[in-house]
């Protein structure tokens, strides 16, 4: 996507499950560090950790869910067009 991402093209950790994020899930994923599941006792991430745990492993997490590729750059250093207010991209890769 950009020359700045070259350093991120290499070894990776890959996880898989067959769940698909809902539009509501996508919205909550973009709210870094703000748990929205405190009253949902049966959900992963109910303590505000969930997806945010990936930041222990990478500064530039990405995932595929449904028909979207999503990349987060919370420091707005690597993704083209990323800003602190909009720190990522969601790219539809199916027709």
C-alpha atoms as a PDB file:
ATOM      1  CA  UNK A   1       0.000   0.000   0.000  1.00  0.00           C
ATOM      2  CA  UNK A   2       2.948   2.338   0.577  1.00  0.00           C
ATOM      3  CA  UNK A   3       6.777   2.274   0.713  1.00  0.00           C
ATOM      4  CA  UNK A   4       6.576   3.000   4.463  1.00  0.00           C
ATOM      5  CA  UNK A   5       4.974  -0.446   4.933  1.00  0.00           C
ATOM      6  CA  UNK A   6       7.966  -2.296   3.460  1.00  0.00           C
ATOM      7  CA  UNK A   7       9.406  -3.058   6.895  1.00  0.00           C
ATOM      8  CA  UNK A   8       6.136  -4.791   7.843  1.00  0.00           C
ATOM      9  CA  UNK A   9       6.324  -7.272   4.952  1.00  0.00           C
ATOM     10  CA  UNK A  10       7.976 -10.268   6.508  1.00  0.00           C
ATOM     11  CA  UNK A  11       7.406 -12.877   9.181  1.00  0.00           C
ATOM     12  CA  UNK A  12       3.909 -12.760  10.624  1.00  0.00           C
ATOM     13  CA  UNK A  13       1.711 -14.362  13.233  1.00  0.00           C
ATOM     14  CA  UNK A  14      -1.447 -15.767  11.698  1.00  0.00           C
ATOM     15  CA  UNK A  15      -4.603 -16.679  13.617  1.00  0.00           C
ATOM     16  CA  UNK A  16      -7.818 -18.037  12.149  1.00  0.00           C
ATOM     17  CA  UNK A  17     -11.371 -18.597  13.222  1.00  0.00           C
ATOM     18  CA  UNK A  18     -14.569 -18.733  11.210  1.00  0.00           C
ATOM     19  CA  UNK A  19     -16.322 -15.787  12.872  1.00  0.00           C
ATOM     20  CA  UNK A  20     -17.143 -12.634  10.911  1.00  0.00           C
ATOM     21  CA  UNK A  21     -17.181  -9.193  12.508  1.00  0.00           C
ATOM     22  CA  UNK A  22     -20.525  -7.380  12.383  1.00  0.00           C
ATOM     23  CA  UNK A  23     -20.753  -3.672  11.475  1.00  0.00           C
ATOM     24  CA  UNK A  24     -21.103  -2.992  15.219  1.00  0.00           C
ATOM     25  CA  UNK A  25     -17.904  -5.002  15.874  1.00  0.00           C
ATOM     26  CA  UNK A  26     -16.001  -2.963  13.252  1.00  0.00           C
ATOM     27  CA  UNK A  27     -17.130   0.253  14.928  1.00  0.00           C
ATOM     28  CA  UNK A  28     -15.972  -0.957  18.346  1.00  0.00           C
ATOM     29  CA  UNK A  29     -12.615  -2.193  17.020  1.00  0.00           C
ATOM     30  CA  UNK A  30     -11.870   1.348  15.868  1.00  0.00           C
ATOM     31  CA  UNK A  31     -12.295   2.613  19.429  1.00  0.00           C
ATOM     32  CA  UNK A  32      -8.835   1.650  20.636  1.00  0.00           C
ATOM     33  CA  UNK A  33      -8.679   1.130  24.387  1.00  0.00           C
ATOM     34  CA  UNK A  34     -12.369   1.809  25.016  1.00  0.00           C
ATOM     35  CA  UNK A  35     -14.163  -1.339  26.127  1.00  0.00           C
ATOM     36  CA  UNK A  36     -17.785  -1.472  24.930  1.00  0.00           C
ATOM     37  CA  UNK A  37     -18.689  -4.943  26.258  1.00  0.00           C
ATOM     38  CA  UNK A  38     -18.636  -4.418  30.014  1.00  0.00           C
ATOM     39  CA  UNK A  39     -22.229  -5.598  30.350  1.00  0.00           C
ATOM     40  CA  UNK A  40     -21.849  -8.516  27.870  1.00  0.00           C
ATOM     41  CA  UNK A  41     -20.515 -11.195  30.191  1.00  0.00           C
ATOM     42  CA  UNK A  42     -20.439 -13.940  27.546  1.00  0.00           C
ATOM     43  CA  UNK A  43     -18.365 -12.011  24.975  1.00  0.00           C
ATOM     44  CA  UNK A  44     -14.637 -12.062  24.338  1.00  0.00           C
ATOM     45  CA  UNK A  45     -13.210  -8.639  25.167  1.00  0.00           C
ATOM     46  CA  UNK A  46     -15.689  -7.873  27.921  1.00  0.00           C
ATOM     47  CA  UNK A  47     -12.880  -6.448  30.055  1.00  0.00           C
ATOM     48  CA  UNK A  48     -11.675  -4.015  27.391  1.00  0.00           C
ATOM     49  CA  UNK A  49      -8.822  -6.241  26.201  1.00  0.00           C
ATOM     50  CA  UNK A  50      -9.972  -8.496  23.359  1.00  0.00           C
ATOM     51  CA  UNK A  51      -8.556  -7.279  20.065  1.00  0.00           C
ATOM     52  CA  UNK A  52      -6.441  -4.608  21.762  1.00  0.00           C
ATOM     53  CA  UNK A  53      -4.152  -7.394  22.998  1.00  0.00           C
ATOM     54  CA  UNK A  54      -2.631  -7.527  19.471  1.00  0.00           C
ATOM     55  CA  UNK A  55      -0.756  -4.306  20.254  1.00  0.00           C
ATOM     56  CA  UNK A  56       1.529  -6.401  22.491  1.00  0.00           C
ATOM     57  CA  UNK A  57       2.740  -8.121  19.299  1.00  0.00           C
ATOM     58  CA  UNK A  58       2.584  -5.470  16.565  1.00  0.00           C
ATOM     59  CA  UNK A  59       2.144  -1.759  15.951  1.00  0.00           C
ATOM     60  CA  UNK A  60       0.313  -2.423  12.677  1.00  0.00           C
ATOM     61  CA  UNK A  61      -2.350  -5.130  13.127  1.00  0.00           C
ATOM     62  CA  UNK A  62      -4.432  -6.272  10.190  1.00  0.00           C
ATOM     63  CA  UNK A  63      -7.143  -8.847   9.645  1.00  0.00           C
ATOM     64  CA  UNK A  64      -9.610 -10.166   7.111  1.00  0.00           C
ATOM     65  CA  UNK A  65     -13.264 -10.477   8.069  1.00  0.00           C
ATOM     66  CA  UNK A  66     -16.024 -11.230   5.602  1.00  0.00           C
ATOM     67  CA  UNK A  67     -15.263  -9.213   2.489  1.00  0.00           C
ATOM     68  CA  UNK A  68     -12.917  -6.708   4.126  1.00  0.00           C
ATOM     69  CA  UNK A  69      -9.196  -6.350   4.770  1.00  0.00           C
ATOM     70  CA  UNK A  70      -8.655  -4.045   7.745  1.00  0.00           C
ATOM     71  CA  UNK A  71      -5.331  -2.453   8.757  1.00  0.00           C
ATOM     72  CA  UNK A  72      -4.799  -0.307  11.842  1.00  0.00           C
ATOM     73  CA  UNK A  73      -1.987   2.213  12.288  1.00  0.00           C
ATOM     74  CA  UNK A  74      -2.763   3.983  15.592  1.00  0.00           C
ATOM     75  CA  UNK A  75       0.396   6.100  15.350  1.00  0.00           C
ATOM     76  CA  UNK A  76      -0.430   7.136  11.745  1.00  0.00           C
ATOM     77  CA  UNK A  77       3.131   6.379  10.595  1.00  0.00           C
ATOM     78  CA  UNK A  78       2.829   3.662   7.960  1.00  0.00           C
ATOM     79  CA  UNK A  79      -0.559   3.463   6.239  1.00  0.00           C
ATOM     80  CA  UNK A  80      -1.206   5.957   3.451  1.00  0.00           C
ATOM     81  CA  UNK A  81      -3.921   8.370   4.542  1.00  0.00           C
ATOM     82  CA  UNK A  82      -3.961   7.239   8.173  1.00  0.00           C
ATOM     83  CA  UNK A  83      -4.405  10.011  10.732  1.00  0.00           C
ATOM     84  CA  UNK A  84      -4.716   9.995  14.498  1.00  0.00           C
ATOM     85  CA  UNK A  85      -8.444  10.626  14.039  1.00  0.00           C
ATOM     86  CA  UNK A  86      -8.795   7.856  11.385  1.00  0.00           C
ATOM     87  CA  UNK A  87      -5.945   5.403  12.110  1.00  0.00           C
ATOM     88  CA  UNK A  88      -6.699   2.696   9.605  1.00  0.00           C
ATOM     89  CA  UNK A  89      -8.072   1.394   6.347  1.00  0.00           C
ATOM     90  CA  UNK A  90     -10.939  -0.934   5.560  1.00  0.00           C
ATOM     91  CA  UNK A  91     -10.684  -2.239   2.024  1.00  0.00           C
ATOM     92  CA  UNK A  92     -13.466  -4.249   0.377  1.00  0.00           C
ATOM     93  CA  UNK A  93     -11.739  -6.930  -1.670  1.00  0.00           C
ATOM     94  CA  UNK A  94     -14.744  -8.791  -3.082  1.00  0.00           C
ATOM     95  CA  UNK A  95     -17.252  -7.788  -5.715  1.00  0.00           C
END
